[in-house]
Amino acid sequence: MKNITVLGAGESGFGAAMLAKQKGFNVFVSELDSISEDIKSILVKNLIQFEENNHSFDKIALSDLIIKSPGIPNNSEIISRIKSTKIPIVSEIEFASNHSNSYKICITGSNGKTTTTKLIYDILANAGLNVGLAGNIGDSFSKMLLSGDKDIYVLEISSFQLDDIKNFRPNISVITNIIEDHLDRYENDFVKYVNAKMKISKNQESSDYLIYNSDDKILSEAVNNLQSDVEKISIGLNNKENQITISNNILSNKKKTIMINTEHFALKGRHNLLNAMAAITVSDLLKIDNEVIRESFLTFSGLPHRLENFLKIQGVNYINDSKATNINAAYYALDSMQSPTVWIAGGVDKGNDYSELLPIVREKVKAIICLGIDNSKIIETFKPVIEIIVETESITEAVKVANKIAEKKDNVLLSPACASFDLFDSYEDRGNQFKEAVRSL
């Protein structure tokens, strides 16, 4: 019986440990932090050994295989020590895929991957297919497989999950875009981050498909340099040669068999047109009925914390875009605003160059409410173009200040362009606190 060590006991590690146990492996879970009581009780019930607040290298070194949770950096001390032993290290997504015969549709990208993943899943589910949704959204791939395989899996995959794949092979891969993000994980080297994203296609073959956003010059160049026989399909708003085009608000494929009026979309913004193009392309490849595709788009309401039109109070529209944790996402949010906007921004800066936002801020924003421990870069960048910039220390204060500034028909937009970990547990926590503060006005 093979010995497997699972590093990390979060969503990914827990699922991998349970799947490994189900498949007959001898499993040991090693977590550097504490493990929740719920997970500990399940591990005990399933006779899975574990440790918390420590990595016991001597015990880990007895393993035949290491499954690494995506949150653990490759330059961490424990990974460096394991690499000296030559014990193979794989990601949870790789391990799970070895125990699944499903057709895999895998989506990555700096922004838009969750919305695109959910949209594709909804279309396939509405078409009556035996389809599962997993990865970086909802349950891990491993955890989903505990209850049996599906015909098709739609998987959202982050660069962290792709770091340790060996043979993982999607039938269809989608890359929404690549912009500077998570550079702290990649030694502040953008090329390393790009290479991590491109791993989604490294094992694809000529019978597989890679759908990518040709409007993204960095991504297009990376795709052109791919050493792969995969069939490449471009989408985008600026290239008439693409498979899906838009004209007079009508999205259509080349055969004109799929035609959807984007004015009827619940999803707003240029970036969501690109997400829609990716989803249509996947659906077209799988020969989904055109009426199912159309109906799915008209009923898809988007996801929480992503340009979520939350409440209208005294004519002011409050929008929760807490998931916008980088400059690119905030740009798309601001670009979609059709009336003067009070912008709530700030948090943990990931090396942001806010100057990229100057033109759109000048055009769309009437005031900026800073929400973070250090707002100096935001203030310095936008002081020349925005007269009203206010620093706040809590989301409640930020919302109250925004409410005083905003007038009828204005927007109050939470789109931070930053990570959330200075004042909040996560972007979800930040978005939920924003909504609670708005409710309390």
Protein backbone atom coordinates (compact mmCIF):
# COMPACT_ATOMS: atom_id res chain seq x y z
CA MET A 1 0.00 0.00 0.00
CA LYS A 2 1.37 3.40 -1.03
CA ASN A 3 2.00 6.05 1.62
CA ILE A 4 0.58 9.44 0.71
CA THR A 5 1.15 12.67 2.62
CA VAL A 6 -1.29 15.51 2.02
CA LEU A 7 0.20 18.90 2.86
CA GLY A 8 -2.55 21.25 4.03
CA ALA A 9 -5.96 20.45 5.52
CA GLY A 10 -8.10 23.13 3.89
CA GLU A 11 -10.74 22.50 1.21
CA SER A 12 -8.22 21.11 -1.26
CA GLY A 13 -6.14 19.03 1.18
CA PHE A 14 -9.15 17.61 2.98
CA GLY A 15 -10.73 16.45 -0.29
CA ALA A 16 -7.46 14.89 -1.47
CA ALA A 17 -7.00 13.05 1.84
CA MET A 18 -10.53 11.63 1.75
CA LEU A 19 -10.19 10.55 -1.90
CA ALA A 20 -6.79 8.95 -1.26
CA LYS A 21 -8.24 7.02 1.68
CA GLN A 22 -11.22 5.92 -0.43
CA LYS A 23 -8.83 4.63 -3.11
CA GLY A 24 -6.96 2.49 -0.56
CA PHE A 25 -3.86 4.56 0.15
CA ASN A 26 -2.25 4.95 3.57
CA VAL A 27 -2.85 8.68 4.22
CA PHE A 28 -1.13 11.19 6.50
CA VAL A 29 -2.27 14.85 6.63
CA SER A 30 0.25 17.48 7.70
CA GLU A 31 -0.98 21.04 8.40
CA LEU A 32 1.32 23.86 9.47
CA ASP A 33 -1.56 25.77 11.06
CA SER A 34 -4.44 24.49 13.16
CA ILE A 35 -7.09 22.15 11.70
CA SER A 36 -10.77 22.90 12.26
CA GLU A 37 -12.56 20.67 14.74
CA ASP A 38 -15.06 19.55 12.07
CA ILE A 39 -12.31 18.33 9.75
CA LYS A 40 -10.38 16.68 12.60
CA SER A 41 -13.45 14.67 13.62
CA ILE A 42 -13.97 13.44 10.04
CA LEU A 43 -10.28 12.49 9.71
CA VAL A 44 -10.47 10.53 12.99
CA LYS A 45 -13.69 8.82 11.90
CA ASN A 46 -11.98 7.71 8.66
CA LEU A 47 -8.83 6.53 10.45
CA ILE A 48 -6.67 9.15 8.71
CA GLN A 49 -3.58 10.18 10.68
CA PHE A 50 -2.87 13.89 10.90
CA GLU A 51 -0.77 16.54 12.57
CA GLU A 52 -1.39 20.25 13.03
CA ASN A 53 0.80 23.27 13.77
CA ASN A 54 3.78 21.36 12.40
CA HIS A 55 5.33 19.58 9.41
CA SER A 56 7.17 16.47 10.69
CA PHE A 57 9.73 16.04 7.95
CA ASP A 58 10.89 12.59 9.14
CA LYS A 59 7.34 11.25 8.80
CA ILE A 60 6.66 13.06 5.52
CA ALA A 61 9.92 11.61 4.11
CA LEU A 62 8.45 8.10 4.38
CA SER A 63 5.88 8.95 1.68
CA ASP A 64 5.71 7.55 -1.83
CA LEU A 65 3.78 10.62 -3.02
CA ILE A 66 3.11 14.15 -1.73
CA ILE A 67 -0.14 15.94 -2.58
CA LYS A 68 0.41 19.67 -2.09
CA SER A 69 -2.40 22.08 -1.36
CA PRO A 70 -2.32 25.12 -3.70
CA GLY A 71 -1.88 27.61 -0.86
CA ILE A 72 1.61 26.29 -0.03
CA PRO A 73 4.32 28.17 -2.00
CA ASN A 74 6.97 26.16 -3.82
CA ASN A 75 9.71 28.14 -2.08
CA SER A 76 8.47 27.19 1.41
CA GLU A 77 10.90 25.39 3.68
CA ILE A 78 9.00 22.08 3.73
CA ILE A 79 8.75 21.92 -0.08
CA SER A 80 12.46 22.67 -0.46
CA ARG A 81 13.29 19.83 1.94
CA ILE A 82 10.93 17.39 0.19
CA LYS A 83 12.47 18.22 -3.19
CA SER A 84 15.85 17.09 -1.88
CA THR A 85 14.35 13.61 -1.30
CA LYS A 86 13.07 13.18 -4.88
CA ILE A 87 9.61 12.17 -3.57
CA PRO A 88 7.14 13.21 -6.31
CA ILE A 89 4.95 16.22 -5.49
CA VAL A 90 1.64 16.72 -7.29
CA SER A 91 -1.24 19.14 -6.97
CA GLU A 92 -4.66 18.07 -5.70
CA ILE A 93 -6.13 18.73 -9.16
CA GLU A 94 -3.59 16.31 -10.68
CA PHE A 95 -4.29 13.60 -8.10
CA ALA A 96 -8.05 13.90 -8.58
CA SER A 97 -7.80 13.79 -12.38
CA ASN A 98 -5.98 10.44 -12.12
CA HIS A 99 -9.15 9.04 -10.57
CA SER A 100 -11.65 10.50 -13.04
CA ASN A 101 -12.58 9.47 -16.58
CA SER A 102 -14.61 12.64 -17.14
CA TYR A 103 -14.43 15.02 -20.09
CA LYS A 104 -12.72 18.06 -18.53
CA ILE A 105 -13.42 21.69 -19.33
CA CYS A 106 -10.90 23.78 -17.38
CA ILE A 107 -10.91 27.56 -16.98
CA THR A 108 -8.11 29.79 -15.73
CA GLY A 109 -7.21 33.47 -15.97
CA SER A 110 -6.45 36.45 -13.78
CA ASN A 111 -10.05 37.73 -13.92
CA GLY A 112 -13.39 36.31 -15.03
CA LYS A 113 -12.63 32.64 -14.51
CA THR A 114 -15.29 32.02 -11.84
CA THR A 115 -18.08 33.69 -13.83
CA THR A 116 -17.03 31.87 -17.01
CA THR A 117 -16.85 28.54 -15.18
CA LYS A 118 -20.30 28.95 -13.63
CA LEU A 119 -21.82 30.12 -16.91
CA ILE A 120 -20.47 27.08 -18.80
CA TYR A 121 -21.68 24.77 -16.03
CA ASP A 122 -25.18 26.30 -16.06
CA ILE A 123 -25.49 25.88 -19.84
CA LEU A 124 -24.41 22.22 -19.72
CA ALA A 125 -26.64 21.50 -16.71
CA ASN A 126 -29.60 23.19 -18.44
CA ALA A 127 -28.91 20.95 -21.45
CA GLY A 128 -29.47 17.93 -19.17
CA LEU A 129 -25.87 16.68 -19.21
CA ASN A 130 -24.32 14.76 -16.30
CA VAL A 131 -21.97 17.58 -15.31
CA GLY A 132 -20.09 18.58 -12.16
CA LEU A 133 -18.67 21.91 -11.00
CA ALA A 134 -15.46 21.94 -8.94
CA GLY A 135 -11.91 23.17 -8.48
CA ASN A 136 -11.32 26.71 -7.31
CA ILE A 137 -15.11 27.16 -7.03
CA GLY A 138 -17.24 25.30 -4.51
CA ASP A 139 -15.90 21.86 -3.58
CA SER A 140 -12.47 20.62 -4.63
CA PHE A 141 -12.27 18.17 -7.53
CA SER A 142 -11.19 15.40 -5.12
CA LYS A 143 -14.13 16.00 -2.78
CA MET A 144 -16.60 15.89 -5.67
CA LEU A 145 -15.21 12.53 -6.79
CA LEU A 146 -15.98 10.98 -3.39
CA SER A 147 -19.59 10.60 -4.49
CA GLY A 148 -18.70 9.23 -7.95
CA ASP A 149 -17.52 10.48 -11.31
CA LYS A 150 -19.47 12.62 -13.80
CA ASP A 151 -19.50 12.52 -17.59
CA ILE A 152 -18.21 16.10 -17.69
CA TYR A 153 -16.48 18.32 -15.16
CA VAL A 154 -16.23 22.09 -15.44
CA LEU A 155 -13.20 23.07 -13.33
CA GLU A 156 -12.03 26.52 -12.32
CA ILE A 157 -8.27 26.31 -11.88
CA SER A 158 -5.90 28.87 -10.36
CA SER A 159 -2.23 29.29 -11.19
CA PHE A 160 -1.43 27.86 -7.74
CA GLN A 161 -3.28 24.66 -8.66
CA LEU A 162 -1.43 24.48 -11.97
CA ASP A 163 2.01 24.88 -10.37
CA ASP A 164 2.38 21.17 -9.60
CA ILE A 165 0.62 19.39 -12.45
CA LYS A 166 2.51 16.68 -14.33
CA ASN A 167 0.12 14.93 -16.73
CA PHE A 168 -3.12 16.83 -16.12
CA ARG A 169 -4.89 17.26 -19.45
CA PRO A 170 -8.07 19.22 -20.11
CA ASN A 171 -10.16 18.34 -23.16
CA ILE A 172 -11.06 22.02 -23.41
CA SER A 173 -9.02 24.73 -21.69
CA VAL A 174 -10.06 28.37 -21.45
CA ILE A 175 -7.74 31.26 -20.53
CA THR A 176 -9.73 34.45 -19.94
CA ASN A 177 -6.76 36.85 -19.60
CA ILE A 178 -3.38 37.25 -17.92
CA ILE A 179 -2.53 40.41 -16.04
CA GLU A 180 -0.04 41.13 -13.28
CA ASP A 181 -1.37 39.44 -10.15
CA HIS A 182 -0.06 37.22 -7.33
CA LEU A 183 3.47 38.35 -8.15
CA ASP A 184 4.41 37.91 -4.49
CA ARG A 185 4.00 34.15 -5.10
CA TYR A 186 6.14 34.22 -8.27
CA GLU A 187 9.21 36.12 -7.01
CA ASN A 188 7.83 39.35 -8.56
CA ASP A 189 8.50 37.80 -11.98
CA PHE A 190 5.54 38.24 -14.33
CA VAL A 191 6.99 35.71 -16.79
CA LYS A 192 6.81 33.01 -14.10
CA TYR A 193 3.16 33.86 -13.46
CA VAL A 194 2.38 33.71 -17.21
CA ASN A 195 4.15 30.35 -17.48
CA ALA A 196 2.10 29.01 -14.55
CA LYS A 197 -1.15 29.96 -16.28
CA MET A 198 -0.03 28.43 -19.59
CA LYS A 199 0.53 25.06 -17.91
CA ILE A 200 -3.19 24.44 -18.33
CA SER A 201 -2.46 23.57 -21.96
CA LYS A 202 0.95 21.88 -21.71
CA ASN A 203 -0.41 18.32 -22.01
CA GLN A 204 -3.19 19.03 -24.49
CA GLU A 205 -3.19 17.18 -27.82
CA SER A 206 -4.49 17.81 -31.33
CA SER A 207 -7.95 16.51 -30.40
CA ASP A 208 -8.20 19.10 -27.59
CA TYR A 209 -9.10 22.80 -27.65
CA LEU A 210 -7.57 25.95 -26.16
CA ILE A 211 -9.89 28.96 -26.11
CA TYR A 212 -8.14 32.25 -25.35
CA ASN A 213 -8.77 35.99 -25.34
CA SER A 214 -6.95 37.46 -28.34
CA ASP A 215 -7.54 41.02 -27.06
CA ASP A 216 -4.92 40.23 -24.41
CA LYS A 217 -1.58 40.79 -26.16
CA ILE A 218 0.50 39.05 -23.50
CA LEU A 219 -1.77 36.01 -23.58
CA SER A 220 -1.81 35.92 -27.40
CA GLU A 221 1.97 35.96 -27.49
CA ALA A 222 2.16 33.17 -24.91
CA VAL A 223 -0.32 31.06 -26.91
CA ASN A 224 1.66 31.61 -30.11
CA ASN A 225 4.77 30.35 -28.33
CA LEU A 226 3.06 27.19 -27.06
CA GLN A 227 4.80 23.96 -27.98
CA SER A 228 1.54 22.03 -28.40
CA ASP A 229 -0.65 20.53 -31.11
CA VAL A 230 -3.82 21.71 -29.37
CA GLU A 231 -6.42 23.39 -31.59
CA LYS A 232 -6.39 27.10 -30.69
CA ILE A 233 -9.61 29.13 -30.82
CA SER A 234 -9.45 32.88 -30.26
CA ILE A 235 -12.21 35.05 -28.83
CA GLY A 236 -12.22 38.81 -28.40
CA LEU A 237 -13.95 42.08 -29.16
CA ASN A 238 -11.30 43.50 -31.48
CA ASN A 239 -10.73 40.74 -34.05
CA LYS A 240 -13.30 40.02 -36.77
CA GLU A 241 -11.62 36.66 -37.47
CA ASN A 242 -12.69 35.27 -34.10
CA GLN A 243 -15.18 32.41 -33.80
CA ILE A 244 -17.66 34.60 -31.91
CA THR A 245 -18.32 38.20 -32.96
CA ILE A 246 -20.45 41.07 -31.71
CA SER A 247 -22.29 43.56 -33.89
CA ASN A 248 -25.10 45.93 -32.89
CA ASN A 249 -25.25 44.26 -29.47
CA ILE A 250 -25.74 40.81 -31.06
CA LEU A 251 -23.30 38.04 -30.12
CA SER A 252 -23.17 35.35 -32.81
CA ASN A 253 -21.06 32.48 -34.05
CA LYS A 254 -19.74 32.27 -37.60
CA LYS A 255 -22.58 30.02 -38.75
CA LYS A 256 -25.11 32.51 -37.34
CA THR A 257 -26.85 29.60 -35.64
CA ILE A 258 -26.34 31.25 -32.22
CA MET A 259 -27.48 34.85 -31.90
CA ILE A 260 -27.95 36.52 -28.50
CA ASN A 261 -28.91 40.12 -27.78
CA THR A 262 -26.49 41.32 -25.10
CA GLU A 263 -28.90 44.07 -24.00
CA HIS A 264 -30.91 41.31 -22.33
CA PHE A 265 -27.94 40.02 -20.30
CA ALA A 266 -28.11 40.30 -16.54
CA LEU A 267 -24.29 40.51 -16.70
CA LYS A 268 -22.94 43.96 -17.52
CA GLY A 269 -19.54 45.18 -18.64
CA ARG A 270 -17.05 44.53 -21.42
CA HIS A 271 -15.31 41.76 -19.46
CA ASN A 272 -18.57 39.82 -19.21
CA LEU A 273 -18.93 39.93 -23.00
CA LEU A 274 -15.58 38.11 -23.15
CA ASN A 275 -16.77 35.61 -20.53
CA ALA A 276 -19.91 35.07 -22.61
CA MET A 277 -17.87 34.50 -25.78
CA ALA A 278 -15.84 31.82 -24.03
CA ALA A 279 -18.97 30.08 -22.74
CA ILE A 280 -20.65 30.18 -26.16
CA THR A 281 -17.54 28.75 -27.81
CA VAL A 282 -17.41 25.82 -25.37
CA SER A 283 -21.14 25.19 -25.80
CA ASP A 284 -20.81 25.29 -29.57
CA LEU A 285 -17.96 22.72 -29.46
CA LEU A 286 -20.19 20.41 -27.40
CA LYS A 287 -23.10 20.98 -29.83
CA ILE A 288 -25.44 22.28 -27.13
CA ASP A 289 -28.87 23.26 -28.42
CA ASN A 290 -28.90 26.94 -29.37
CA GLU A 291 -32.11 27.66 -27.49
CA VAL A 292 -30.58 26.22 -24.29
CA ILE A 293 -27.57 28.54 -24.71
CA ARG A 294 -29.79 31.58 -25.25
CA GLU A 295 -32.07 30.77 -22.33
CA SER A 296 -29.10 30.13 -20.03
CA PHE A 297 -27.69 33.58 -20.76
CA LEU A 298 -30.99 35.32 -20.14
CA THR A 299 -31.45 33.64 -16.76
CA PHE A 300 -27.84 33.76 -15.51
CA SER A 301 -27.71 36.34 -12.72
CA GLY A 302 -23.98 36.37 -12.01
CA LEU A 303 -22.18 35.60 -8.76
CA PRO A 304 -21.96 37.39 -5.41
CA HIS A 305 -19.27 40.06 -5.02
CA ARG A 306 -18.83 40.44 -8.80
CA LEU A 307 -20.46 43.67 -10.00
CA GLU A 308 -23.41 42.68 -7.84
CA ASN A 309 -26.15 45.31 -8.04
CA PHE A 310 -27.09 45.08 -4.39
CA LEU A 311 -29.52 47.83 -3.36
CA LYS A 312 -30.91 51.12 -4.61
CA ILE A 313 -31.47 53.63 -1.78
CA GLN A 314 -32.97 57.07 -2.52
CA GLY A 315 -31.99 56.66 -6.16
CA VAL A 316 -28.35 55.71 -5.41
CA ASN A 317 -27.23 52.31 -6.73
CA TYR A 318 -24.91 50.37 -4.38
CA ILE A 319 -22.71 47.86 -6.23
CA ASN A 320 -20.63 45.14 -4.56
CA ASP A 321 -17.57 44.22 -6.63
CA SER A 322 -15.42 43.02 -3.73
CA LYS A 323 -13.92 40.27 -5.91
CA ALA A 324 -12.06 42.98 -7.86
CA THR A 325 -8.72 42.37 -6.18
CA ASN A 326 -6.51 43.79 -8.93
CA ILE A 327 -6.24 46.81 -11.23
CA ASN A 328 -7.65 45.04 -14.28
CA ALA A 329 -10.83 43.96 -12.49
CA ALA A 330 -11.39 47.45 -11.08
CA TYR A 331 -10.90 48.92 -14.57
CA TYR A 332 -13.65 46.73 -16.03
CA ALA A 333 -15.97 47.63 -13.15
CA LEU A 334 -15.43 51.37 -13.59
CA ASP A 335 -15.74 51.03 -17.37
CA SER A 336 -19.22 49.53 -16.96
CA MET A 337 -20.50 52.47 -14.88
CA GLN A 338 -23.04 54.58 -16.78
CA SER A 339 -23.47 57.39 -14.23
CA PRO A 340 -21.24 59.34 -11.80
CA THR A 341 -19.58 56.99 -9.34
CA VAL A 342 -18.33 57.19 -5.77
CA TRP A 343 -15.55 54.60 -5.78
CA ILE A 344 -14.58 52.71 -2.61
CA ALA A 345 -11.06 51.34 -3.14
CA GLY A 346 -7.98 50.13 -1.31
CA GLY A 347 -6.70 47.26 0.80
CA VAL A 348 -3.50 45.24 0.67
CA ASP A 349 -1.54 46.59 -2.30
CA LYS A 350 -0.04 43.86 -4.51
CA GLY A 351 2.38 46.16 -6.32
CA ASN A 352 -0.44 48.01 -8.11
CA ASP A 353 0.26 50.67 -10.72
CA TYR A 354 -2.82 52.83 -10.26
CA SER A 355 -1.78 55.19 -13.07
CA GLU A 356 -3.34 52.71 -15.51
CA LEU A 357 -6.72 53.71 -14.07
CA LEU A 358 -6.25 57.49 -14.42
CA PRO A 359 -8.19 57.92 -17.70
CA ILE A 360 -11.19 55.84 -16.59
CA VAL A 361 -11.23 57.42 -13.12
CA ARG A 362 -11.15 60.90 -14.61
CA GLU A 363 -14.12 59.98 -16.82
CA LYS A 364 -16.30 58.02 -14.37
CA VAL A 365 -15.46 58.89 -10.74
CA LYS A 366 -16.68 61.88 -8.72
CA ALA A 367 -15.11 60.86 -5.39
CA ILE A 368 -12.82 58.17 -3.96
CA ILE A 369 -13.29 56.63 -0.53
CA CYS A 370 -10.08 54.92 0.60
CA LEU A 371 -10.49 51.70 2.56
CA GLY A 372 -7.17 50.34 3.77
CA ILE A 373 -4.43 50.70 6.32
CA ASP A 374 -2.09 52.46 3.87
CA ASN A 375 -3.79 54.53 1.17
CA SER A 376 -0.83 56.73 0.22
CA LYS A 377 -0.41 55.32 -3.33
CA ILE A 378 -4.10 55.78 -4.15
CA ILE A 379 -4.12 59.35 -2.84
CA GLU A 380 -0.88 60.27 -4.60
CA THR A 381 -2.06 58.86 -7.94
CA PHE A 382 -5.55 60.30 -8.08
CA LYS A 383 -5.16 63.61 -6.22
CA PRO A 384 -4.47 65.48 -9.51
CA VAL A 385 -7.78 64.36 -11.09
CA ILE A 386 -10.22 63.77 -8.18
CA GLU A 387 -11.14 66.63 -5.86
CA ILE A 388 -12.83 64.51 -3.16
CA ILE A 389 -10.66 61.74 -1.65
CA VAL A 390 -11.55 60.57 1.86
CA GLU A 391 -9.66 58.09 4.06
CA THR A 392 -11.74 55.73 6.22
CA GLU A 393 -10.87 52.99 8.69
CA SER A 394 -13.86 50.64 8.32
CA ILE A 395 -16.35 49.56 5.69
CA THR A 396 -19.18 51.06 7.78
CA GLU A 397 -17.49 54.45 7.79
CA ALA A 398 -16.72 54.17 4.06
CA VAL A 399 -20.36 53.45 3.20
CA LYS A 400 -21.64 56.31 5.41
CA VAL A 401 -19.24 58.78 3.77
CA ALA A 402 -20.18 57.52 0.29
CA ASN A 403 -23.86 57.93 1.16
CA LYS A 404 -23.29 61.59 2.06
CA ILE A 405 -21.44 62.30 -1.18
CA ALA A 406 -23.64 60.34 -3.62
CA GLU A 407 -26.62 62.03 -5.25
CA LYS A 408 -29.69 60.58 -6.94
CA LYS A 409 -28.77 58.34 -9.94
CA ASP A 410 -25.13 58.06 -8.79
CA ASN A 411 -23.38 54.74 -8.14
CA VAL A 412 -21.50 53.75 -5.00
CA LEU A 413 -19.06 51.08 -6.18
CA LEU A 414 -16.96 48.85 -3.94
CA SER A 415 -14.24 47.68 -6.34
CA PRO A 416 -11.06 47.69 -4.24
CA ALA A 417 -8.34 46.75 -6.78
CA CYS A 418 -6.56 45.22 -3.77
CA ALA A 419 -6.50 42.12 -1.61
CA SER A 420 -8.68 42.17 1.50
CA PHE A 421 -6.46 40.81 4.23
CA ASP A 422 -5.70 44.04 6.10
CA LEU A 423 -9.22 44.62 7.46
CA PHE A 424 -11.11 41.47 6.36
CA ASP A 425 -10.83 37.68 6.34
CA SER A 426 -11.45 37.44 2.57
CA TYR A 427 -13.06 39.28 -0.34
CA GLU A 428 -16.34 37.53 0.60
CA ASP A 429 -16.11 38.91 4.13
CA ARG A 430 -15.40 42.37 2.71
CA GLY A 431 -18.37 42.14 0.33
CA ASN A 432 -20.73 40.86 3.02
CA GLN A 433 -19.69 43.63 5.42
CA PHE A 434 -20.26 46.16 2.64
CA LYS A 435 -23.78 44.83 2.08
CA GLU A 436 -24.53 44.86 5.79
CA ALA A 437 -23.33 48.48 6.02
CA VAL A 438 -25.55 49.46 3.08
CA ARG A 439 -28.55 47.72 4.66
CA SER A 440 -27.96 49.73 7.83
CA LEU A 441 -28.08 53.13 6.13
